[in-house]
N, C-alpha and C. Protein backbone atom coordinates (compact mmCIF):
# COMPACT_ATOMS: atom_id res chain seq x y z
N UNK A 1 0.58 -0.99 -0.02
CA UNK A 1 0.11 -0.64 -0.30
C UNK A 1 0.91 1.77 -0.51
N UNK A 2 0.33 2.52 -0.54
CA UNK A 2 0.75 3.82 -0.91
C UNK A 2 0.44 4.45 -0.53
N UNK A 3 1.14 6.03 0.47
CA UNK A 3 0.36 6.94 0.82
C UNK A 3 0.88 8.14 -0.11
N UNK A 4 -0.04 8.98 -0.34
CA UNK A 4 1.02 10.17 -0.79
C UNK A 4 0.47 11.03 0.16
N UNK A 5 0.95 12.47 0.69
CA UNK A 5 0.57 13.03 1.20
C UNK A 5 1.28 14.03 0.65
N UNK A 6 0.57 15.96 0.43
CA UNK A 6 1.08 16.53 -0.57
C UNK A 6 0.70 17.51 0.54
N UNK A 7 1.44 18.77 -0.09
CA UNK A 7 1.54 20.22 1.34
C UNK A 7 0.94 21.10 -0.32
N UNK A 8 0.49 22.25 0.94
CA UNK A 8 -0.01 23.60 -0.06
C UNK A 8 1.41 23.72 0.05
N UNK A 9 1.64 24.56 -1.79
CA UNK A 9 2.95 25.67 -2.23
C UNK A 9 2.13 26.41 -2.23
N UNK A 10 3.10 27.69 -2.88
CA UNK A 10 2.21 28.66 -3.58
C UNK A 10 3.94 29.66 -3.78
N UNK A 11 3.81 29.86 -5.12
CA UNK A 11 5.14 30.64 -5.92
C UNK A 11 4.53 32.73 -5.62
N UNK A 12 5.17 32.66 -5.83
CA UNK A 12 4.74 34.08 -6.29
C UNK A 12 4.82 33.95 -8.23
N UNK A 13 4.28 35.72 -8.56
CA UNK A 13 3.91 35.95 -9.74
C UNK A 13 4.58 36.58 -10.16
N UNK A 14 5.16 36.45 -11.37
CA UNK A 14 6.30 38.03 -11.85
C UNK A 14 5.87 38.30 -13.16
N UNK A 15 5.24 39.70 -13.58
CA UNK A 15 4.21 39.98 -14.64
C UNK A 15 5.13 40.94 -15.08
N UNK A 16 6.05 40.64 -16.33
CA UNK A 16 6.77 41.84 -15.44
C UNK A 16 5.91 42.77 -17.08
N UNK A 17 6.48 44.77 -16.41
CA UNK A 17 6.10 45.36 -17.81
C UNK A 17 7.28 46.22 -18.11
N UNK A 18 6.75 46.85 -19.71
CA UNK A 18 8.31 46.91 -19.97
C UNK A 18 8.43 48.49 -19.61
N UNK A 19 9.63 49.38 -19.62
CA UNK A 19 10.08 50.96 -19.25
C UNK A 19 8.72 52.15 -19.47
N UNK A 20 8.14 51.59 -20.85
CA UNK A 20 7.58 53.21 -21.27
C UNK A 20 5.86 53.08 -20.15
N UNK A 21 5.74 52.03 -19.87
CA UNK A 21 4.64 51.44 -19.32
C UNK A 21 4.62 51.40 -18.22
N UNK A 22 5.68 51.34 -17.73
CA UNK A 22 6.76 51.81 -15.94
C UNK A 22 5.80 53.29 -16.11
N UNK A 23 6.78 53.93 -16.92
CA UNK A 23 7.02 56.03 -17.21
C UNK A 23 5.20 55.51 -16.82
N UNK A 24 4.69 55.71 -18.02
CA UNK A 24 3.60 56.09 -18.31
C UNK A 24 2.87 55.51 -16.78
N UNK A 25 2.87 54.69 -16.31
CA UNK A 25 2.21 54.69 -14.75
C UNK A 25 1.99 55.33 -13.98
N UNK A 26 3.55 55.94 -13.57
CA UNK A 26 4.32 56.96 -12.41
C UNK A 26 4.01 58.17 -12.79
N UNK A 27 2.75 58.88 -11.00
CA UNK A 27 3.35 59.91 -11.54
C UNK A 27 4.07 61.27 -11.19
N UNK A 28 5.46 60.08 -10.01
CA UNK A 28 6.61 61.03 -10.64
C UNK A 28 7.57 59.62 -10.63
N UNK A 29 8.89 60.34 -11.22
CA UNK A 29 10.75 59.96 -12.08
C UNK A 29 11.57 60.57 -11.01
N UNK A 30 12.68 59.59 -10.05
CA UNK A 30 12.99 60.78 -9.11
C UNK A 30 14.49 59.87 -10.30
N UNK A 31 15.83 60.69 -9.80
CA UNK A 31 17.26 60.04 -9.20
C UNK A 31 17.42 60.80 -7.29
N UNK A 32 17.39 60.12 -7.37
CA UNK A 32 17.54 60.65 -5.85
C UNK A 32 18.51 59.10 -4.81
N UNK A 33 18.69 60.05 -3.66
CA UNK A 33 18.82 59.02 -2.61
C UNK A 33 17.98 58.76 -1.21
N UNK A 34 17.94 56.81 -0.32
CA UNK A 34 17.32 57.21 -0.08
C UNK A 34 17.73 57.85 1.70
N UNK A 35 16.70 58.52 2.32
CA UNK A 35 16.98 58.99 3.33
C UNK A 35 16.72 58.96 4.73
N UNK A 36 15.37 57.98 4.82
CA UNK A 36 14.87 57.37 5.68
C UNK A 36 14.15 55.68 5.54
N UNK A 37 13.79 55.36 5.93
CA UNK A 37 12.88 53.54 5.59
C UNK A 37 12.19 53.84 6.56
N UNK A 38 11.11 53.62 7.21
CA UNK A 38 10.05 52.67 7.75
C UNK A 38 9.79 51.78 7.79
N UNK A 39 9.41 51.19 8.09
CA UNK A 39 8.94 49.08 8.47
C UNK A 39 7.44 48.98 8.23
N UNK A 40 6.80 49.79 7.25
CA UNK A 40 5.17 49.36 8.27
C UNK A 40 4.73 48.36 7.76
N UNK A 41 4.76 47.61 7.04
CA UNK A 41 5.07 45.78 8.37
C UNK A 41 5.46 44.58 7.86
N UNK A 42 6.22 43.19 8.30
CA UNK A 42 6.64 42.52 7.90
C UNK A 42 6.62 41.25 8.58
N UNK A 43 6.27 40.50 7.48
CA UNK A 43 6.17 38.84 7.48
C UNK A 43 6.81 38.27 7.72
N UNK A 44 7.03 37.01 8.08
CA UNK A 44 8.06 36.45 7.36
C UNK A 44 8.62 36.64 5.64
N UNK A 45 9.58 36.32 4.78
CA UNK A 45 9.71 37.53 3.77
C UNK A 45 9.19 38.37 2.94
N UNK A 46 7.94 39.24 2.99
CA UNK A 46 7.37 39.83 2.79
C UNK A 46 7.51 41.17 3.53
N UNK A 47 6.72 42.09 3.24
CA UNK A 47 7.06 43.26 4.06
C UNK A 47 6.61 44.79 3.01
N UNK A 48 6.40 45.41 3.75
CA UNK A 48 6.22 47.28 3.33
C UNK A 48 7.00 48.04 3.61
N UNK A 49 7.59 48.53 3.22
CA UNK A 49 8.42 49.55 3.58
C UNK A 49 8.36 51.39 2.91
N UNK A 50 8.35 51.82 3.46
CA UNK A 50 7.87 53.59 2.94
C UNK A 50 9.33 53.89 3.01
N UNK A 51 9.57 54.00 2.57
CA UNK A 51 10.87 54.77 2.31
C UNK A 51 10.42 56.66 1.38
N UNK A 52 12.34 57.70 2.33
CA UNK A 52 11.50 58.46 1.41
C UNK A 52 13.23 58.51 1.09
N UNK A 53 13.15 59.03 -0.72
CA UNK A 53 14.11 59.61 -1.30
C UNK A 53 14.17 61.56 -1.51
N UNK A 54 15.32 61.45 -1.35
CA UNK A 54 15.95 62.93 -1.56
C UNK A 54 16.41 63.64 -3.45
N UNK A 55 15.18 63.87 -3.44
CA UNK A 55 15.96 63.85 -5.06
C UNK A 55 17.13 64.71 -5.55
N UNK A 56 17.95 64.41 -7.19
CA UNK A 56 18.44 65.15 -7.14
C UNK A 56 18.22 66.13 -8.38
N UNK A 57 17.51 64.79 -8.55
CA UNK A 57 16.61 65.95 -10.09
C UNK A 57 15.59 64.85 -10.43
N UNK A 58 14.47 65.23 -10.52
CA UNK A 58 13.09 65.08 -10.93
C UNK A 58 12.98 64.66 -12.49
N UNK A 59 12.58 63.52 -12.58
CA UNK A 59 12.65 62.49 -14.62
C UNK A 59 11.41 63.51 -14.63
N UNK A 60 9.87 62.50 -14.13
CA UNK A 60 8.89 63.23 -14.27
C UNK A 60 7.87 63.64 -13.32
N UNK A 61 6.98 64.67 -13.43
CA UNK A 61 6.15 65.52 -12.55
C UNK A 61 6.38 66.35 -12.13
N UNK A 62 6.05 67.60 -12.02
CA UNK A 62 6.28 68.74 -11.05
C UNK A 62 5.90 68.94 -9.35
N UNK A 63 6.44 70.69 -8.88
CA UNK A 63 6.62 70.16 -7.61
C UNK A 63 7.62 71.43 -7.33
N UNK A 64 8.08 72.10 -6.12
CA UNK A 64 8.71 72.44 -5.45
C UNK A 64 9.61 71.32 -4.80
N UNK A 65 8.43 69.84 -4.53
CA UNK A 65 9.28 69.40 -4.00
C UNK A 65 10.84 68.21 -3.61
N UNK A 66 11.58 68.08 -2.75
CA UNK A 66 13.11 68.21 -2.84
C UNK A 66 13.09 67.44 -1.56
N UNK A 67 12.56 65.75 -1.27
CA UNK A 67 11.70 64.93 -0.47
C UNK A 67 10.73 63.77 -1.24
N UNK A 68 11.31 62.62 -1.33
CA UNK A 68 9.36 61.95 -2.31
C UNK A 68 9.28 60.91 -1.32
N UNK A 69 8.61 60.46 -0.92
CA UNK A 69 7.66 59.02 -0.36
C UNK A 69 6.71 57.79 -1.12
N UNK A 70 8.01 57.04 -1.38
CA UNK A 70 7.86 55.73 -2.34
C UNK A 70 7.49 54.63 -0.86
N UNK A 71 5.89 54.42 -1.69
CA UNK A 71 5.69 52.07 -0.55
C UNK A 71 6.07 51.62 -1.57
N UNK A 72 7.30 50.47 -0.99
CA UNK A 72 8.17 49.42 -1.76
C UNK A 72 7.23 48.59 -0.92
N UNK A 73 6.57 47.73 -2.21
CA UNK A 73 6.19 45.80 -1.21
C UNK A 73 7.22 45.05 -2.32
N UNK A 74 7.70 44.28 -0.64
CA UNK A 74 9.55 43.42 -0.98
C UNK A 74 8.39 41.91 -1.27
N UNK A 75 8.56 40.52 -1.42
CA UNK A 75 8.38 39.36 -1.43
C UNK A 75 9.92 38.21 -0.77
N UNK A 76 11.19 38.77 -0.49
CA UNK A 76 12.06 37.85 -0.78
C UNK A 76 12.68 37.27 -2.03
N UNK A 77 11.91 38.17 -2.84
CA UNK A 77 12.50 37.15 -3.79
C UNK A 77 14.35 37.02 -4.52
N UNK A 78 15.03 35.98 -4.18
CA UNK A 78 16.71 36.18 -3.90
C UNK A 78 17.13 36.80 -4.83
N UNK A 79 18.22 37.88 -4.73
CA UNK A 79 18.62 38.32 -6.13
C UNK A 79 17.47 38.90 -7.16
N UNK A 80 16.58 39.79 -6.37
CA UNK A 80 14.65 40.88 -7.68
C UNK A 80 14.43 41.09 -6.75
N UNK A 81 14.28 41.08 -5.32
CA UNK A 81 13.08 41.80 -4.78
C UNK A 81 13.72 42.06 -3.41
N UNK A 82 14.49 43.49 -4.10
CA UNK A 82 15.58 43.83 -2.66
C UNK A 82 14.73 44.63 -1.63
N UNK A 83 15.24 44.93 -0.45
CA UNK A 83 14.57 45.78 0.71
C UNK A 83 15.30 47.43 0.41
N UNK A 84 14.54 48.70 0.19
CA UNK A 84 16.33 49.27 0.69
C UNK A 84 16.25 49.33 1.60
N UNK A 85 17.16 50.26 1.91
CA UNK A 85 18.43 50.73 3.48
C UNK A 85 18.72 52.44 2.76
N UNK A 86 18.76 52.95 4.06
CA UNK A 86 19.38 54.60 3.70
C UNK A 86 21.09 54.65 2.68
N UNK A 87 20.62 54.84 2.64
CA UNK A 87 22.01 55.48 1.59
C UNK A 87 22.03 55.03 0.16
N UNK A 88 20.97 53.78 -0.32
CA UNK A 88 20.80 53.10 -1.31
C UNK A 88 20.75 54.77 -2.58
N UNK A 89 21.13 54.41 -3.50
CA UNK A 89 21.00 55.51 -4.74
C UNK A 89 19.63 55.08 -6.31
N UNK A 90 19.05 55.81 -7.32
CA UNK A 90 19.00 55.17 -8.09
C UNK A 90 17.85 55.18 -8.29
N UNK A 91 17.39 55.26 -9.61
CA UNK A 91 15.96 55.95 -10.01
C UNK A 91 14.84 55.53 -9.32
N UNK A 92 13.88 56.46 -8.81
CA UNK A 92 12.11 55.65 -8.13
C UNK A 92 11.19 56.22 -8.77
N UNK A 93 9.97 55.09 -9.06
CA UNK A 93 8.88 55.51 -9.37
C UNK A 93 8.13 55.35 -9.31
């Protein structure tokens, strides 16, 4: 007699979008540096961060702001889905 035991499993689903679509969906695009990060929620391998970005250059959007807040959801995918830390710099959408 053979018994099979299965366990429920789940996987992340990643649907890539083009840079032009990302640009059109974004109200602001900023080149800047992370000055502060706050964890809004954190569970095993997932979480939400609120990052404050000091803008060096505004690529898209308008206004006098020099700092922007971006909400980031991460799922802990190795080498793909990094968490932000103070001092990180880049282009933020």
